[in-house]
N, C-alpha and C. Protein backbone atom coordinates (compact mmCIF):
# COMPACT_ATOMS: atom_id res chain seq x y z
N MET A 1 -2.45 -8.55 9.88
CA MET A 1 -1.23 -8.09 9.25
C MET A 1 -0.43 -9.28 8.72
N VAL A 2 -0.05 -10.26 9.55
CA VAL A 2 0.69 -11.42 9.08
C VAL A 2 -0.21 -12.21 8.13
N GLY A 3 0.32 -12.55 6.97
CA GLY A 3 -0.47 -13.23 5.95
C GLY A 3 -1.15 -12.26 5.01
N GLY A 4 -0.99 -10.97 5.26
CA GLY A 4 -1.60 -9.95 4.41
C GLY A 4 -0.65 -9.50 3.31
N ILE A 5 -1.24 -9.10 2.19
CA ILE A 5 -0.48 -8.56 1.07
C ILE A 5 -0.79 -7.07 0.99
N TYR A 6 0.26 -6.27 0.93
CA TYR A 6 0.13 -4.81 0.95
C TYR A 6 0.96 -4.23 -0.20
N PHE A 7 0.53 -3.08 -0.71
CA PHE A 7 1.31 -2.38 -1.73
C PHE A 7 2.09 -1.28 -1.01
N ILE A 8 3.43 -1.35 -1.11
CA ILE A 8 4.28 -0.38 -0.42
C ILE A 8 5.33 0.17 -1.38
N GLU A 9 5.97 1.23 -0.96
CA GLU A 9 7.15 1.74 -1.65
C GLU A 9 8.34 0.98 -1.05
N MET A 10 8.77 -0.05 -1.75
CA MET A 10 9.83 -0.95 -1.26
C MET A 10 11.19 -0.34 -1.55
N PRO A 11 12.02 -0.18 -0.52
CA PRO A 11 13.36 0.39 -0.76
C PRO A 11 14.27 -0.61 -1.46
N TYR A 12 15.10 -0.10 -2.37
CA TYR A 12 16.16 -0.92 -2.94
C TYR A 12 17.23 -1.12 -1.88
N SER A 13 18.19 -1.99 -2.15
CA SER A 13 19.22 -2.30 -1.15
C SER A 13 20.05 -1.09 -0.76
N ASP A 14 20.12 -0.07 -1.63
CA ASP A 14 20.89 1.14 -1.28
C ASP A 14 20.07 2.11 -0.42
N PHE A 15 18.79 1.83 -0.23
CA PHE A 15 17.86 2.65 0.56
C PHE A 15 17.75 4.09 0.05
N LYS A 16 18.20 4.33 -1.19
CA LYS A 16 18.10 5.66 -1.78
C LYS A 16 16.97 5.74 -2.80
N GLN A 17 16.61 4.58 -3.33
CA GLN A 17 15.55 4.51 -4.33
C GLN A 17 14.46 3.56 -3.84
N PHE A 18 13.26 3.76 -4.38
CA PHE A 18 12.11 2.95 -3.98
C PHE A 18 11.33 2.53 -5.21
N LYS A 19 10.62 1.42 -5.07
CA LYS A 19 9.76 0.93 -6.15
C LYS A 19 8.46 0.47 -5.53
N GLY A 20 7.33 0.88 -6.10
CA GLY A 20 6.06 0.38 -5.63
C GLY A 20 5.96 -1.10 -5.90
N ARG A 21 5.65 -1.88 -4.86
CA ARG A 21 5.64 -3.34 -5.00
C ARG A 21 4.70 -3.95 -3.97
N PRO A 22 3.98 -5.00 -4.36
CA PRO A 22 3.21 -5.73 -3.36
C PRO A 22 4.15 -6.62 -2.53
N VAL A 23 3.87 -6.70 -1.24
CA VAL A 23 4.66 -7.56 -0.35
C VAL A 23 3.72 -8.35 0.55
N LEU A 24 4.19 -9.52 0.95
CA LEU A 24 3.49 -10.36 1.90
C LEU A 24 4.12 -10.16 3.26
N VAL A 25 3.32 -9.80 4.27
CA VAL A 25 3.86 -9.69 5.62
C VAL A 25 4.03 -11.10 6.16
N PHE A 26 5.28 -11.43 6.44
CA PHE A 26 5.65 -12.77 6.87
C PHE A 26 5.67 -12.90 8.40
N ARG A 27 6.19 -11.86 9.06
CA ARG A 27 6.31 -11.92 10.51
C ARG A 27 6.45 -10.52 11.09
N VAL A 28 5.83 -10.29 12.23
CA VAL A 28 6.02 -9.03 12.96
C VAL A 28 7.16 -9.27 13.94
N ILE A 29 8.23 -8.48 13.81
CA ILE A 29 9.38 -8.62 14.70
C ILE A 29 9.10 -7.92 16.02
N ASP A 30 8.68 -6.67 15.92
CA ASP A 30 8.29 -5.87 17.08
C ASP A 30 7.39 -4.76 16.56
N LYS A 31 7.07 -3.79 17.38
CA LYS A 31 6.13 -2.75 16.95
C LYS A 31 6.69 -1.87 15.84
N ASN A 32 8.01 -1.91 15.63
CA ASN A 32 8.64 -1.06 14.62
C ASN A 32 9.03 -1.77 13.33
N ASP A 33 9.17 -3.07 13.36
CA ASP A 33 9.70 -3.80 12.21
C ASP A 33 8.87 -5.03 11.87
N VAL A 34 8.77 -5.29 10.56
CA VAL A 34 8.12 -6.50 10.08
C VAL A 34 8.99 -7.13 9.01
N LEU A 35 8.87 -8.43 8.85
CA LEU A 35 9.54 -9.15 7.77
C LEU A 35 8.55 -9.31 6.63
N VAL A 36 8.99 -9.00 5.41
CA VAL A 36 8.12 -9.13 4.25
C VAL A 36 8.82 -9.92 3.16
N LEU A 37 8.00 -10.49 2.29
CA LEU A 37 8.46 -11.17 1.09
C LEU A 37 7.85 -10.43 -0.10
N PRO A 38 8.67 -9.96 -1.04
CA PRO A 38 8.11 -9.25 -2.19
C PRO A 38 7.39 -10.20 -3.14
N LEU A 39 6.45 -9.64 -3.91
CA LEU A 39 5.75 -10.38 -4.94
C LEU A 39 6.12 -9.82 -6.30
N THR A 40 6.05 -10.66 -7.32
CA THR A 40 6.27 -10.24 -8.69
C THR A 40 5.29 -10.97 -9.60
N ILE A 41 5.01 -10.36 -10.74
CA ILE A 41 4.17 -11.06 -11.73
C ILE A 41 5.04 -11.83 -12.72
N ASN A 42 6.37 -11.75 -12.56
CA ASN A 42 7.30 -12.53 -13.39
C ASN A 42 7.27 -13.98 -12.90
N LEU A 43 6.52 -14.82 -13.58
CA LEU A 43 6.31 -16.19 -13.13
C LEU A 43 7.54 -17.07 -13.28
N HIS A 44 8.61 -16.53 -13.84
CA HIS A 44 9.87 -17.29 -13.98
C HIS A 44 10.79 -17.09 -12.78
N ARG A 45 10.44 -16.21 -11.87
CA ARG A 45 11.25 -15.97 -10.68
C ARG A 45 11.15 -17.15 -9.72
N GLU A 46 12.20 -17.35 -8.94
CA GLU A 46 12.21 -18.39 -7.92
C GLU A 46 11.26 -17.99 -6.80
N GLY A 47 10.42 -18.90 -6.38
CA GLY A 47 9.48 -18.62 -5.31
C GLY A 47 8.23 -19.48 -5.41
N ILE A 48 7.17 -19.02 -4.80
CA ILE A 48 5.91 -19.77 -4.75
C ILE A 48 4.83 -18.99 -5.51
N VAL A 49 4.23 -19.64 -6.50
CA VAL A 49 3.18 -19.02 -7.29
C VAL A 49 1.89 -18.99 -6.47
N ILE A 50 1.23 -17.82 -6.48
CA ILE A 50 -0.07 -17.70 -5.84
C ILE A 50 -1.07 -17.11 -6.84
N THR A 51 -2.32 -17.52 -6.68
CA THR A 51 -3.41 -17.05 -7.53
C THR A 51 -4.55 -16.59 -6.62
N ASN A 52 -5.62 -16.14 -7.22
CA ASN A 52 -6.78 -15.74 -6.42
C ASN A 52 -7.41 -16.92 -5.69
N ASP A 53 -7.10 -18.15 -6.10
CA ASP A 53 -7.56 -19.33 -5.36
C ASP A 53 -6.89 -19.42 -3.98
N ASP A 54 -5.76 -18.75 -3.81
CA ASP A 54 -5.01 -18.75 -2.55
C ASP A 54 -5.41 -17.61 -1.62
N ILE A 55 -6.34 -16.78 -2.07
CA ILE A 55 -6.72 -15.58 -1.34
C ILE A 55 -8.00 -15.79 -0.53
N LYS A 56 -7.94 -15.40 0.74
CA LYS A 56 -9.10 -15.49 1.62
C LYS A 56 -9.96 -14.24 1.49
N MET A 57 -9.32 -13.08 1.38
CA MET A 57 -10.03 -11.81 1.31
C MET A 57 -9.26 -10.88 0.37
N GLY A 58 -9.96 -10.15 -0.49
CA GLY A 58 -9.32 -9.29 -1.46
C GLY A 58 -9.06 -10.05 -2.75
N SER A 59 -8.15 -9.53 -3.57
CA SER A 59 -7.82 -10.22 -4.82
C SER A 59 -6.49 -9.71 -5.38
N LEU A 60 -5.93 -10.52 -6.25
CA LEU A 60 -4.72 -10.16 -6.98
C LEU A 60 -5.12 -9.77 -8.40
N LYS A 61 -4.44 -8.80 -8.99
CA LYS A 61 -4.73 -8.44 -10.38
C LYS A 61 -4.23 -9.52 -11.33
N LYS A 62 -3.10 -10.14 -10.96
CA LYS A 62 -2.51 -11.18 -11.80
C LYS A 62 -1.91 -12.27 -10.92
N GLU A 63 -1.76 -13.45 -11.50
CA GLU A 63 -1.04 -14.52 -10.84
C GLU A 63 0.34 -13.97 -10.48
N SER A 64 0.85 -14.32 -9.30
CA SER A 64 2.09 -13.73 -8.80
C SER A 64 3.00 -14.79 -8.19
N VAL A 65 4.25 -14.40 -7.98
CA VAL A 65 5.22 -15.26 -7.31
C VAL A 65 5.67 -14.55 -6.04
N VAL A 66 5.58 -15.26 -4.92
CA VAL A 66 6.15 -14.77 -3.66
C VAL A 66 7.63 -15.11 -3.73
N ILE A 67 8.48 -14.09 -3.73
CA ILE A 67 9.93 -14.29 -3.90
C ILE A 67 10.52 -14.66 -2.53
N VAL A 68 10.48 -15.94 -2.23
CA VAL A 68 10.89 -16.43 -0.91
C VAL A 68 12.34 -16.09 -0.57
N PRO A 69 13.29 -16.16 -1.52
CA PRO A 69 14.67 -15.86 -1.13
C PRO A 69 14.93 -14.40 -0.74
N LYS A 70 13.99 -13.48 -0.98
CA LYS A 70 14.24 -12.05 -0.74
C LYS A 70 13.54 -11.53 0.50
N ILE A 71 13.57 -12.28 1.58
CA ILE A 71 12.95 -11.83 2.82
C ILE A 71 13.66 -10.56 3.28
N THR A 72 12.86 -9.56 3.68
CA THR A 72 13.40 -8.24 4.00
C THR A 72 12.71 -7.67 5.24
N ALA A 73 13.47 -7.01 6.09
CA ALA A 73 12.89 -6.30 7.23
C ALA A 73 12.60 -4.87 6.79
N ILE A 74 11.38 -4.39 7.10
CA ILE A 74 11.00 -3.01 6.79
C ILE A 74 10.36 -2.38 8.01
N ASP A 75 10.24 -1.07 7.97
CA ASP A 75 9.57 -0.33 9.04
C ASP A 75 8.08 -0.65 9.00
N ALA A 76 7.52 -0.98 10.12
CA ALA A 76 6.11 -1.36 10.22
C ALA A 76 5.18 -0.24 9.78
N SER A 77 5.64 1.00 9.83
CA SER A 77 4.79 2.13 9.43
C SER A 77 4.45 2.10 7.94
N LEU A 78 5.20 1.33 7.14
CA LEU A 78 4.90 1.21 5.72
C LEU A 78 3.66 0.36 5.46
N ILE A 79 3.23 -0.40 6.47
CA ILE A 79 2.08 -1.29 6.34
C ILE A 79 0.87 -0.62 7.00
N SER A 80 -0.19 -0.45 6.21
CA SER A 80 -1.41 0.13 6.77
C SER A 80 -2.62 -0.45 6.05
N SER A 81 -3.77 -0.31 6.68
CA SER A 81 -5.00 -0.86 6.08
C SER A 81 -5.32 -0.17 4.75
N GLU A 82 -4.87 1.07 4.57
CA GLU A 82 -5.13 1.79 3.32
C GLU A 82 -4.42 1.15 2.13
N ASN A 83 -3.29 0.47 2.36
CA ASN A 83 -2.58 -0.13 1.24
C ASN A 83 -2.70 -1.66 1.22
N SER A 84 -3.73 -2.17 1.88
CA SER A 84 -3.99 -3.61 1.88
C SER A 84 -4.58 -4.05 0.54
N ILE A 85 -4.06 -5.15 0.02
CA ILE A 85 -4.53 -5.72 -1.24
C ILE A 85 -5.37 -6.97 -0.98
N ALA A 86 -4.82 -7.87 -0.15
CA ALA A 86 -5.47 -9.17 0.05
C ALA A 86 -4.91 -9.85 1.29
N THR A 87 -5.56 -10.93 1.68
CA THR A 87 -5.09 -11.79 2.77
C THR A 87 -5.06 -13.22 2.26
N LEU A 88 -3.94 -13.90 2.50
CA LEU A 88 -3.81 -15.29 2.07
C LEU A 88 -4.65 -16.23 2.92
N LYS A 89 -5.06 -17.33 2.31
CA LYS A 89 -5.69 -18.41 3.07
C LYS A 89 -4.62 -19.00 3.99
N ASP A 90 -5.04 -19.51 5.13
CA ASP A 90 -4.11 -20.08 6.11
C ASP A 90 -3.25 -21.18 5.50
N LYS A 91 -3.86 -22.05 4.71
CA LYS A 91 -3.14 -23.18 4.11
C LYS A 91 -2.01 -22.68 3.20
N THR A 92 -2.27 -21.65 2.43
CA THR A 92 -1.25 -21.08 1.54
C THR A 92 -0.14 -20.43 2.34
N PHE A 93 -0.51 -19.67 3.37
CA PHE A 93 0.51 -19.02 4.20
C PHE A 93 1.39 -20.06 4.88
N GLU A 94 0.79 -21.14 5.37
CA GLU A 94 1.57 -22.21 6.01
C GLU A 94 2.55 -22.85 5.02
N LYS A 95 2.14 -22.98 3.75
CA LYS A 95 3.04 -23.54 2.72
C LYS A 95 4.24 -22.60 2.53
N ILE A 96 3.99 -21.31 2.49
CA ILE A 96 5.07 -20.34 2.33
C ILE A 96 5.97 -20.35 3.57
N LEU A 97 5.38 -20.38 4.75
CA LEU A 97 6.13 -20.45 6.00
C LEU A 97 7.06 -21.66 6.01
N LYS A 98 6.54 -22.79 5.60
CA LYS A 98 7.33 -24.03 5.56
C LYS A 98 8.50 -23.88 4.58
N ASP A 99 8.25 -23.27 3.42
CA ASP A 99 9.30 -23.10 2.42
C ASP A 99 10.39 -22.15 2.92
N VAL A 100 10.01 -21.09 3.60
CA VAL A 100 10.99 -20.13 4.14
C VAL A 100 11.85 -20.78 5.21
N CYS A 101 11.25 -21.62 6.01
CA CYS A 101 11.95 -22.20 7.16
C CYS A 101 12.75 -23.45 6.83
N THR A 102 12.77 -23.88 5.56
CA THR A 102 13.56 -25.07 5.22
C THR A 102 14.80 -24.71 4.45
């Protein structure tokens, strides 16, 4: 799960609307909540660019940006093997972890 990229219905900040979006699972808080970082194909967004060279398993349709400033807690039930897209290589995940924690 941690280091995995999943396609979920991501809630907007008002929690009334949702948008389908890939997210990177950053950390499991407990059995009910996980921290995620959204991805975008807008390469001008602030964050870390990832490509299929950064993927250990699965693939991305397009080069993407992990939007590091938008870390969000979501319900863990939104993450399942059915909506798994890919898993990051350890080195790439560690780079993102370092960027989030600085």
